[in-house]
N, C-alpha and C. Protein backbone atom coordinates (compact mmCIF):
# COMPACT_ATOMS: atom_id res chain seq x y z
N MET A 1 -44.23 76.88 -32.49
CA MET A 1 -43.25 75.78 -32.86
C MET A 1 -42.62 76.30 -34.04
N SER A 2 -41.24 76.10 -34.11
CA SER A 2 -40.39 76.44 -35.26
C SER A 2 -40.33 75.14 -36.07
N VAL A 3 -40.03 75.39 -37.32
CA VAL A 3 -39.70 74.25 -38.20
C VAL A 3 -38.21 74.16 -38.55
N VAL A 4 -37.71 73.25 -38.59
CA VAL A 4 -36.26 72.94 -38.75
C VAL A 4 -36.05 72.43 -40.14
N ARG A 5 -35.24 73.18 -40.93
CA ARG A 5 -35.10 72.59 -42.42
C ARG A 5 -33.84 71.76 -42.52
N PRO A 6 -33.84 70.85 -43.19
CA PRO A 6 -32.83 70.04 -43.19
C PRO A 6 -31.50 70.77 -43.85
N GLU A 7 -30.31 70.48 -43.53
CA GLU A 7 -29.15 71.03 -44.17
C GLU A 7 -28.68 70.03 -45.14
N TRP A 8 -28.93 70.20 -46.53
CA TRP A 8 -28.54 69.24 -47.56
C TRP A 8 -27.02 69.28 -47.75
N ARG A 9 -26.47 68.13 -47.84
CA ARG A 9 -25.03 67.94 -48.38
C ARG A 9 -24.93 67.19 -49.66
N LYS A 10 -24.05 67.46 -50.58
CA LYS A 10 -23.85 66.52 -51.70
C LYS A 10 -22.33 66.25 -51.76
N SER A 11 -22.21 65.17 -52.42
CA SER A 11 -20.76 64.52 -52.51
C SER A 11 -19.87 65.60 -53.47
N SER A 12 -18.66 65.67 -53.10
CA SER A 12 -17.62 66.65 -53.83
C SER A 12 -17.46 65.90 -55.23
N TYR A 13 -17.79 64.66 -55.44
CA TYR A 13 -17.63 63.94 -56.68
C TYR A 13 -18.74 64.46 -57.64
N SER A 14 -19.95 64.82 -57.11
CA SER A 14 -21.14 65.05 -57.88
C SER A 14 -20.86 66.40 -58.86
N ASP A 15 -21.36 66.27 -60.08
CA ASP A 15 -21.45 67.39 -60.86
C ASP A 15 -22.63 68.21 -60.54
N SER A 16 -22.82 69.36 -61.08
CA SER A 16 -24.00 70.31 -60.63
C SER A 16 -25.43 69.90 -61.02
N HIS A 17 -25.51 68.86 -61.67
CA HIS A 17 -26.76 68.50 -62.23
C HIS A 17 -27.29 66.99 -61.75
N ASN A 18 -26.26 66.23 -61.50
CA ASN A 18 -26.54 64.90 -61.08
C ASN A 18 -26.04 64.44 -59.76
N CYS A 19 -26.79 64.31 -58.76
CA CYS A 19 -26.23 64.11 -57.51
C CYS A 19 -27.31 63.65 -56.60
N VAL A 20 -26.79 62.90 -55.52
CA VAL A 20 -27.82 62.63 -54.37
C VAL A 20 -27.31 63.39 -53.42
N GLU A 21 -28.31 63.89 -52.61
CA GLU A 21 -28.00 64.71 -51.50
C GLU A 21 -28.37 64.13 -50.16
N LEU A 22 -27.76 64.19 -48.98
CA LEU A 22 -28.01 63.70 -47.87
C LEU A 22 -28.17 64.86 -46.69
N ALA A 23 -29.10 64.45 -45.61
CA ALA A 23 -29.33 65.37 -44.67
C ALA A 23 -29.69 64.67 -43.47
N ARG A 24 -29.58 65.19 -42.32
CA ARG A 24 -29.91 64.50 -40.89
C ARG A 24 -31.16 64.85 -40.87
N SER A 25 -32.11 63.91 -40.13
CA SER A 25 -33.42 64.21 -39.69
C SER A 25 -33.58 63.75 -38.31
N ALA A 26 -34.49 63.97 -37.65
CA ALA A 26 -34.81 63.66 -36.24
C ALA A 26 -34.89 62.01 -36.19
N GLY A 27 -35.46 61.48 -37.38
CA GLY A 27 -35.56 60.03 -37.43
C GLY A 27 -34.48 59.25 -37.94
N GLY A 28 -33.38 59.90 -38.48
CA GLY A 28 -32.33 59.41 -38.99
C GLY A 28 -31.63 60.20 -40.09
N ASN A 29 -31.83 59.87 -41.34
CA ASN A 29 -31.22 60.64 -42.49
C ASN A 29 -32.22 60.59 -43.60
N LEU A 30 -32.24 61.86 -44.32
CA LEU A 30 -32.87 61.97 -45.60
C LEU A 30 -31.99 61.90 -46.76
N VAL A 31 -32.59 61.23 -47.74
CA VAL A 31 -31.89 61.20 -49.22
C VAL A 31 -32.79 61.86 -50.19
N ARG A 32 -32.23 62.35 -51.09
CA ARG A 32 -33.13 63.02 -52.22
C ARG A 32 -32.08 63.14 -53.51
N ASP A 33 -32.82 63.15 -54.71
CA ASP A 33 -32.18 63.39 -55.80
C ASP A 33 -32.17 64.91 -56.13
N SER A 34 -30.98 65.41 -56.57
CA SER A 34 -30.99 66.87 -56.80
C SER A 34 -32.01 67.31 -57.86
N LYS A 35 -32.29 66.47 -58.82
CA LYS A 35 -33.22 66.80 -59.92
C LYS A 35 -34.71 66.86 -59.35
N ASN A 36 -34.93 66.26 -58.36
CA ASN A 36 -36.27 66.08 -57.80
C ASN A 36 -36.28 66.41 -56.30
N PRO A 37 -35.99 67.61 -55.93
CA PRO A 37 -35.90 67.84 -54.38
C PRO A 37 -36.91 67.72 -53.45
N THR A 38 -38.21 67.75 -53.93
CA THR A 38 -39.41 67.63 -53.18
C THR A 38 -39.52 66.08 -52.87
N ALA A 39 -39.06 65.16 -53.57
CA ALA A 39 -39.17 63.67 -53.14
C ALA A 39 -37.97 63.38 -52.20
N LYS A 40 -38.44 62.94 -51.11
CA LYS A 40 -37.25 62.55 -49.83
C LYS A 40 -37.52 61.29 -49.48
N LEU A 41 -36.55 60.50 -49.15
CA LEU A 41 -36.59 59.21 -48.61
C LEU A 41 -35.85 59.22 -47.16
N ASP A 42 -36.56 58.82 -46.12
CA ASP A 42 -35.98 59.00 -44.63
C ASP A 42 -35.62 57.48 -44.39
N ILE A 43 -34.16 57.29 -44.28
CA ILE A 43 -33.57 56.03 -43.91
C ILE A 43 -32.74 56.11 -42.85
N SER A 44 -32.42 54.89 -42.30
CA SER A 44 -31.46 54.85 -40.98
C SER A 44 -30.18 55.04 -41.40
N THR A 45 -29.25 55.31 -40.33
CA THR A 45 -27.94 55.62 -40.50
C THR A 45 -27.22 54.36 -40.96
N ARG A 46 -27.57 53.32 -40.64
CA ARG A 46 -26.96 51.87 -41.04
C ARG A 46 -27.20 51.75 -42.46
N SER A 47 -28.53 52.05 -43.02
CA SER A 47 -28.66 52.15 -44.48
C SER A 47 -27.86 53.10 -45.31
N VAL A 48 -27.64 54.30 -44.58
CA VAL A 48 -26.78 55.27 -45.48
C VAL A 48 -25.31 54.64 -45.52
N ARG A 49 -24.81 54.15 -44.33
CA ARG A 49 -23.56 53.53 -44.51
C ARG A 49 -23.41 52.41 -45.63
N ARG A 50 -24.46 51.58 -45.71
CA ARG A 50 -24.55 50.64 -46.73
C ARG A 50 -24.51 51.14 -48.05
N LEU A 51 -25.34 52.20 -48.32
CA LEU A 51 -25.37 52.80 -49.56
C LEU A 51 -23.95 53.37 -50.04
N ILE A 52 -23.31 53.91 -49.00
CA ILE A 52 -21.96 54.69 -49.42
C ILE A 52 -21.09 53.39 -49.61
N ALA A 53 -21.04 52.45 -48.86
CA ALA A 53 -20.10 51.30 -49.12
C ALA A 53 -20.43 50.75 -50.63
N PHE A 54 -21.78 50.67 -50.92
CA PHE A 54 -22.11 50.11 -52.21
C PHE A 54 -21.57 51.03 -53.37
N ALA A 55 -21.74 52.39 -53.13
CA ALA A 55 -21.36 53.42 -54.22
C ALA A 55 -19.96 53.34 -54.37
N ARG A 56 -19.23 53.12 -53.31
CA ARG A 56 -17.62 53.17 -53.51
C ARG A 56 -17.16 51.87 -54.21
N GLY A 57 -17.93 50.88 -54.15
CA GLY A 57 -17.56 49.57 -54.59
C GLY A 57 -16.92 48.55 -53.91
């Protein structure tokens, strides 16, 4: 069995040290802080959309 590693993406608005990264997972989406990449949060697509809407203001 092969392990699939997530493909992390960060916002073009992020600087090189402070950003939130997103990746797709089998169960939805993963979110992590670039300063602590080992801690990941698995959240639904609906929650990601709400997070982005909140961040945009």
